[in-house]
Amino acid sequence: MTKLQIKEMTDDFINGKSIDQLLEKFPCTKLTIIRNLKKNLTDDKYNYLLKEITSKRNQNSLKKIKK
């Protein structure tokens, strides 16, 4: 992956895209995405963002079920 792709991937993650969404956009493995995200973010920030994204996705799923 190029530095530009890694920056774009990190920015997308910060802006709420899930790892699965990043997999669709970037031609690499899940492990590569996680490794690059952790390298560009601190572990604490990565884990915080991952929890936030997962929480938002779960809330959206619950809203769809209630409708």
PDB file of N, CA and C in Angstrom:
ATOM      1  N   MET A   1       0.841  -1.184   0.000  1.00  0.00           N
ATOM      2  CA  MET A   1       0.000   0.000   0.000  1.00  0.00           C
ATOM      3  C   MET A   1       0.878   1.237   0.000  1.00  0.00           C
ATOM      4  N   THR A   2       0.398   2.253  -0.689  1.00  0.00           N
ATOM      5  CA  THR A   2       1.145   3.504  -0.728  1.00  0.00           C
ATOM      6  C   THR A   2       0.862   4.306   0.539  1.00  0.00           C
ATOM      7  N   LYS A   3       1.711   5.285   0.798  1.00  0.00           N
ATOM      8  CA  LYS A   3       1.509   6.156   1.960  1.00  0.00           C
ATOM      9  C   LYS A   3       0.193   6.920   1.837  1.00  0.00           C
ATOM     10  N   LEU A   4      -0.149   7.295   0.620  1.00  0.00           N
ATOM     11  CA  LEU A   4      -1.407   8.012   0.394  1.00  0.00           C
ATOM     12  C   LEU A   4      -2.608   7.118   0.719  1.00  0.00           C
ATOM     13  N   GLN A   5      -2.550   5.859   0.307  1.00  0.00           N
ATOM     14  CA  GLN A   5      -3.629   4.927   0.616  1.00  0.00           C
ATOM     15  C   GLN A   5      -3.756   4.696   2.122  1.00  0.00           C
ATOM     16  N   ILE A   6      -2.631   4.587   2.799  1.00  0.00           N
ATOM     17  CA  ILE A   6      -2.641   4.374   4.244  1.00  0.00           C
ATOM     18  C   ILE A   6      -3.235   5.586   4.952  1.00  0.00           C
ATOM     19  N   LYS A   7      -2.885   6.787   4.487  1.00  0.00           N
ATOM     20  CA  LYS A   7      -3.450   8.001   5.086  1.00  0.00           C
ATOM     21  C   LYS A   7      -4.952   8.067   4.834  1.00  0.00           C
ATOM     22  N   GLU A   8      -5.358   7.759   3.617  1.00  0.00           N
ATOM     23  CA  GLU A   8      -6.784   7.771   3.286  1.00  0.00           C
ATOM     24  C   GLU A   8      -7.544   6.739   4.119  1.00  0.00           C
ATOM     25  N   MET A   9      -6.961   5.570   4.290  1.00  0.00           N
ATOM     26  CA  MET A   9      -7.573   4.520   5.084  1.00  0.00           C
ATOM     27  C   MET A   9      -7.705   4.969   6.545  1.00  0.00           C
ATOM     28  N   THR A  10      -6.675   5.570   7.081  1.00  0.00           N
ATOM     29  CA  THR A  10      -6.706   6.066   8.462  1.00  0.00           C
ATOM     30  C   THR A  10      -7.756   7.150   8.617  1.00  0.00           C
ATOM     31  N   ASP A  11      -7.811   8.076   7.678  1.00  0.00           N
ATOM     32  CA  ASP A  11      -8.818   9.144   7.721  1.00  0.00           C
ATOM     33  C   ASP A  11     -10.232   8.575   7.646  1.00  0.00           C
ATOM     34  N   ASP A  12     -10.432   7.591   6.782  1.00  0.00           N
ATOM     35  CA  ASP A  12     -11.745   6.952   6.669  1.00  0.00           C
ATOM     36  C   ASP A  12     -12.140   6.298   7.991  1.00  0.00           C
ATOM     37  N   PHE A  13     -11.191   5.638   8.629  1.00  0.00           N
ATOM     38  CA  PHE A  13     -11.458   4.975   9.908  1.00  0.00           C
ATOM     39  C   PHE A  13     -11.800   6.006  10.980  1.00  0.00           C
ATOM     40  N   ILE A  14     -11.062   7.082  11.026  1.00  0.00           N
ATOM     41  CA  ILE A  14     -11.326   8.151  11.992  1.00  0.00           C
ATOM     42  C   ILE A  14     -12.712   8.739  11.760  1.00  0.00           C
ATOM     43  N   ASN A  15     -13.130   8.786  10.503  1.00  0.00           N
ATOM     44  CA  ASN A  15     -14.437   9.357  10.161  1.00  0.00           C
ATOM     45  C   ASN A  15     -15.582   8.345  10.238  1.00  0.00           C
ATOM     46  N   GLY A  16     -15.299   7.148  10.771  1.00  0.00           N
ATOM     47  CA  GLY A  16     -16.383   6.227  11.077  1.00  0.00           C
ATOM     48  C   GLY A  16     -16.556   5.024  10.179  1.00  0.00           C
ATOM     49  N   LYS A  17     -15.680   4.833   9.203  1.00  0.00           N
ATOM     50  CA  LYS A  17     -15.799   3.624   8.364  1.00  0.00           C
ATOM     51  C   LYS A  17     -15.285   2.419   9.141  1.00  0.00           C
ATOM     52  N   SER A  18     -16.008   1.332   9.019  1.00  0.00           N
ATOM     53  CA  SER A  18     -15.606   0.103   9.710  1.00  0.00           C
ATOM     54  C   SER A  18     -14.472  -0.586   8.938  1.00  0.00           C
ATOM     55  N   ILE A  19     -13.867  -1.539   9.602  1.00  0.00           N
ATOM     56  CA  ILE A  19     -12.799  -2.303   8.954  1.00  0.00           C
ATOM     57  C   ILE A  19     -13.359  -3.055   7.755  1.00  0.00           C
ATOM     58  N   ASP A  20     -14.577  -3.581   7.875  1.00  0.00           N
ATOM     59  CA  ASP A  20     -15.198  -4.273   6.738  1.00  0.00           C
ATOM     60  C   ASP A  20     -15.405  -3.333   5.553  1.00  0.00           C
ATOM     61  N   GLN A  21     -15.776  -2.086   5.825  1.00  0.00           N
ATOM     62  CA  GLN A  21     -15.927  -1.107   4.746  1.00  0.00           C
ATOM     63  C   GLN A  21     -14.579  -0.783   4.120  1.00  0.00           C
ATOM     64  N   LEU A  22     -13.549  -0.724   4.941  1.00  0.00           N
ATOM     65  CA  LEU A  22     -12.208  -0.467   4.415  1.00  0.00           C
ATOM     66  C   LEU A  22     -11.733  -1.629   3.554  1.00  0.00           C
ATOM     67  N   LEU A  23     -12.114  -2.847   3.932  1.00  0.00           N
ATOM     68  CA  LEU A  23     -11.755  -4.027   3.127  1.00  0.00           C
ATOM     69  C   LEU A  23     -12.339  -3.951   1.725  1.00  0.00           C
ATOM     70  N   GLU A  24     -13.541  -3.395   1.620  1.00  0.00           N
ATOM     71  CA  GLU A  24     -14.171  -3.249   0.307  1.00  0.00           C
ATOM     72  C   GLU A  24     -13.460  -2.206  -0.549  1.00  0.00           C
ATOM     73  N   LYS A  25     -12.894  -1.209   0.110  1.00  0.00           N
ATOM     74  CA  LYS A  25     -12.284  -0.087  -0.614  1.00  0.00           C
ATOM     75  C   LYS A  25     -10.811  -0.335  -0.964  1.00  0.00           C
ATOM     76  N   PHE A  26     -10.090  -1.015  -0.081  1.00  0.00           N
ATOM     77  CA  PHE A  26      -8.653  -1.192  -0.279  1.00  0.00           C
ATOM     78  C   PHE A  26      -8.318  -2.662  -0.547  1.00  0.00           C
ATOM     79  N   PRO A  27      -7.495  -2.921  -1.553  1.00  0.00           N
ATOM     80  CA  PRO A  27      -7.173  -4.296  -1.940  1.00  0.00           C
ATOM     81  C   PRO A  27      -6.086  -4.918  -1.061  1.00  0.00           C
ATOM     82  N   CYS A  28      -6.467  -5.280   0.158  1.00  0.00           N
ATOM     83  CA  CYS A  28      -5.509  -5.914   1.055  1.00  0.00           C
ATOM     84  C   CYS A  28      -6.266  -6.753   2.075  1.00  0.00           C
ATOM     85  N   THR A  29      -5.536  -7.386   2.957  1.00  0.00           N
ATOM     86  CA  THR A  29      -6.170  -8.244   3.950  1.00  0.00           C
ATOM     87  C   THR A  29      -6.604  -7.435   5.169  1.00  0.00           C
ATOM     88  N   LYS A  30      -7.466  -8.051   5.958  1.00  0.00           N
ATOM     89  CA  LYS A  30      -7.931  -7.421   7.201  1.00  0.00           C
ATOM     90  C   LYS A  30      -6.743  -7.166   8.139  1.00  0.00           C
ATOM     91  N   LEU A  31      -5.839  -8.116   8.203  1.00  0.00           N
ATOM     92  CA  LEU A  31      -4.654  -7.971   9.043  1.00  0.00           C
ATOM     93  C   LEU A  31      -3.817  -6.764   8.620  1.00  0.00           C
ATOM     94  N   THR A  32      -3.663  -6.549   7.325  1.00  0.00           N
ATOM     95  CA  THR A  32      -2.896  -5.405   6.822  1.00  0.00           C
ATOM     96  C   THR A  32      -3.567  -4.095   7.211  1.00  0.00           C
ATOM     97  N   ILE A  33      -4.881  -4.044   7.106  1.00  0.00           N
ATOM     98  CA  ILE A  33      -5.610  -2.826   7.482  1.00  0.00           C
ATOM     99  C   ILE A  33      -5.420  -2.541   8.965  1.00  0.00           C
ATOM    100  N   ILE A  34      -5.627  -3.544   9.791  1.00  0.00           N
ATOM    101  CA  ILE A  34      -5.489  -3.353  11.238  1.00  0.00           C
ATOM    102  C   ILE A  34      -4.071  -2.938  11.606  1.00  0.00           C
ATOM    103  N   ARG A  35      -3.097  -3.601  11.014  1.00  0.00           N
ATOM    104  CA  ARG A  35      -1.695  -3.285  11.297  1.00  0.00           C
ATOM    105  C   ARG A  35      -1.372  -1.832  10.940  1.00  0.00           C
ATOM    106  N   ASN A  36      -1.835  -1.383   9.766  1.00  0.00           N
ATOM    107  CA  ASN A  36      -1.558  -0.008   9.351  1.00  0.00           C
ATOM    108  C   ASN A  36      -2.313   1.010  10.201  1.00  0.00           C
ATOM    109  N   LEU A  37      -3.530   0.686  10.598  1.00  0.00           N
ATOM    110  CA  LEU A  37      -4.272   1.595  11.466  1.00  0.00           C
ATOM    111  C   LEU A  37      -3.586   1.739  12.816  1.00  0.00           C
ATOM    112  N   LYS A  38      -3.164   0.613  13.377  1.00  0.00           N
ATOM    113  CA  LYS A  38      -2.487   0.660  14.673  1.00  0.00           C
ATOM    114  C   LYS A  38      -1.148   1.390  14.588  1.00  0.00           C
ATOM    115  N   LYS A  39      -0.501   1.276  13.436  1.00  0.00           N
ATOM    116  CA  LYS A  39       0.786   1.957  13.264  1.00  0.00           C
ATOM    117  C   LYS A  39       0.604   3.477  13.163  1.00  0.00           C
ATOM    118  N   ASN A  40      -0.519   3.912  12.573  1.00  0.00           N
ATOM    119  CA  ASN A  40      -0.748   5.336  12.370  1.00  0.00           C
ATOM    120  C   ASN A  40      -1.519   5.994  13.505  1.00  0.00           C
ATOM    121  N   LEU A  41      -2.157   5.195  14.336  1.00  0.00           N
ATOM    122  CA  LEU A  41      -2.869   5.697  15.498  1.00  0.00           C
ATOM    123  C   LEU A  41      -2.235   5.057  16.735  1.00  0.00           C
ATOM    124  N   THR A  42      -2.430   5.663  17.881  1.00  0.00           N
ATOM    125  CA  THR A  42      -1.987   4.977  19.094  1.00  0.00           C
ATOM    126  C   THR A  42      -2.931   3.804  19.338  1.00  0.00           C
ATOM    127  N   ASP A  43      -2.495   2.828  20.098  1.00  0.00           N
ATOM    128  CA  ASP A  43      -3.358   1.683  20.411  1.00  0.00           C
ATOM    129  C   ASP A  43      -4.638   2.138  21.098  1.00  0.00           C
ATOM    130  N   ASP A  44      -4.506   3.104  22.002  1.00  0.00           N
ATOM    131  CA  ASP A  44      -5.686   3.607  22.710  1.00  0.00           C
ATOM    132  C   ASP A  44      -6.680   4.251  21.744  1.00  0.00           C
ATOM    133  N   LYS A  45      -6.178   5.061  20.818  1.00  0.00           N
ATOM    134  CA  LYS A  45      -7.073   5.730  19.870  1.00  0.00           C
ATOM    135  C   LYS A  45      -7.717   4.707  18.924  1.00  0.00           C
ATOM    136  N   TYR A  46      -6.944   3.736  18.466  1.00  0.00           N
ATOM    137  CA  TYR A  46      -7.485   2.685  17.604  1.00  0.00           C
ATOM    138  C   TYR A  46      -8.612   1.943  18.323  1.00  0.00           C
ATOM    139  N   ASN A  47      -8.361   1.520  19.551  1.00  0.00           N
ATOM    140  CA  ASN A  47      -9.360   0.766  20.305  1.00  0.00           C
ATOM    141  C   ASN A  47     -10.594   1.607  20.595  1.00  0.00           C
ATOM    142  N   TYR A  48     -10.401   2.882  20.920  1.00  0.00           N
ATOM    143  CA  TYR A  48     -11.520   3.782  21.171  1.00  0.00           C
ATOM    144  C   TYR A  48     -12.389   3.926  19.913  1.00  0.00           C
ATOM    145  N   LEU A  49     -11.750   4.196  18.781  1.00  0.00           N
ATOM    146  CA  LEU A  49     -12.492   4.366  17.527  1.00  0.00           C
ATOM    147  C   LEU A  49     -13.200   3.079  17.121  1.00  0.00           C
ATOM    148  N   LEU A  50     -12.550   1.960  17.320  1.00  0.00           N
ATOM    149  CA  LEU A  50     -13.157   0.670  16.985  1.00  0.00           C
ATOM    150  C   LEU A  50     -14.421   0.447  17.816  1.00  0.00           C
ATOM    151  N   LYS A  51     -14.362   0.771  19.103  1.00  0.00           N
ATOM    152  CA  LYS A  51     -15.546   0.633  19.965  1.00  0.00           C
ATOM    153  C   LYS A  51     -16.656   1.577  19.522  1.00  0.00           C
ATOM    154  N   GLU A  52     -16.294   2.810  19.175  1.00  0.00           N
ATOM    155  CA  GLU A  52     -17.282   3.792  18.730  1.00  0.00           C
ATOM    156  C   GLU A  52     -17.980   3.330  17.443  1.00  0.00           C
ATOM    157  N   ILE A  53     -17.202   2.871  16.494  1.00  0.00           N
ATOM    158  CA  ILE A  53     -17.758   2.426  15.208  1.00  0.00           C
ATOM    159  C   ILE A  53     -18.656   1.214  15.415  1.00  0.00           C
ATOM    160  N   THR A  54     -18.189   0.272  16.233  1.00  0.00           N
ATOM    161  CA  THR A  54     -18.976  -0.929  16.502  1.00  0.00           C
ATOM    162  C   THR A  54     -20.267  -0.572  17.234  1.00  0.00           C
ATOM    163  N   SER A  55     -20.176   0.340  18.170  1.00  0.00           N
ATOM    164  CA  SER A  55     -21.352   0.768  18.930  1.00  0.00           C
ATOM    165  C   SER A  55     -22.379   1.430  18.021  1.00  0.00           C
ATOM    166  N   LYS A  56     -21.928   2.307  17.136  1.00  0.00           N
ATOM    167  CA  LYS A  56     -22.836   2.986  16.205  1.00  0.00           C
ATOM    168  C   LYS A  56     -23.497   1.979  15.268  1.00  0.00           C
ATOM    169  N   ARG A  57     -22.731   1.021  14.799  1.00  0.00           N
ATOM    170  CA  ARG A  57     -23.271   0.003  13.894  1.00  0.00           C
ATOM    171  C   ARG A  57     -24.334  -0.828  14.618  1.00  0.00           C
ATOM    172  N   ASN A  58     -24.078  -1.181  15.878  1.00  0.00           N
ATOM    173  CA  ASN A  58     -25.049  -1.958  16.653  1.00  0.00           C
ATOM    174  C   ASN A  58     -26.317  -1.151  16.924  1.00  0.00           C
ATOM    175  N   GLN A  59     -26.176   0.138  17.190  1.00  0.00           N
ATOM    176  CA  GLN A  59     -27.342   0.997  17.421  1.00  0.00           C
ATOM    177  C   GLN A  59     -28.183   1.083  16.152  1.00  0.00           C
ATOM    178  N   ASN A  60     -27.538   1.212  15.006  1.00  0.00           N
ATOM    179  CA  ASN A  60     -28.260   1.276  13.741  1.00  0.00           C
ATOM    180  C   ASN A  60     -28.993  -0.031  13.459  1.00  0.00           C
ATOM    181  N   SER A  61     -28.390  -1.147  13.803  1.00  0.00           N
ATOM    182  CA  SER A  61     -29.031  -2.446  13.611  1.00  0.00           C
ATOM    183  C   SER A  61     -30.271  -2.560  14.483  1.00  0.00           C
ATOM    184  N   LEU A  62     -30.179  -2.086  15.716  1.00  0.00           N
ATOM    185  CA  LEU A  62     -31.330  -2.138  16.614  1.00  0.00           C
ATOM    186  C   LEU A  62     -32.473  -1.256  16.117  1.00  0.00           C
ATOM    187  N   LYS A  63     -32.125  -0.087  15.568  1.00  0.00           N
ATOM    188  CA  LYS A  63     -33.151   0.809  15.036  1.00  0.00           C
ATOM    189  C   LYS A  63     -33.898   0.152  13.880  1.00  0.00           C
ATOM    190  N   LYS A  64     -33.177  -0.567  13.021  1.00  0.00           N
ATOM    191  CA  LYS A  64     -33.787  -1.244  11.885  1.00  0.00           C
ATOM    192  C   LYS A  64     -34.725  -2.354  12.354  1.00  0.00           C
ATOM    193  N   ILE A  65     -34.326  -3.054  13.413  1.00  0.00           N
ATOM    194  CA  ILE A  65     -35.144  -4.145  13.943  1.00  0.00           C
ATOM    195  C   ILE A  65     -36.444  -3.589  14.542  1.00  0.00           C
ATOM    196  N   LYS A  66     -36.360  -2.452  15.224  1.00  0.00           N
ATOM    197  CA  LYS A  66     -37.528  -1.865  15.875  1.00  0.00           C
ATOM    198  C   LYS A  66     -38.550  -1.333  14.870  1.00  0.00           C
ATOM    199  N   LYS A  67     -38.120  -1.000  13.675  1.00  0.00           N
ATOM    200  CA  LYS A  67     -39.029  -0.425  12.669  1.00  0.00           C
ATOM    201  C   LYS A  67     -39.968  -1.418  12.130  1.00  0.00           C
TER     202      LYS A  67
END
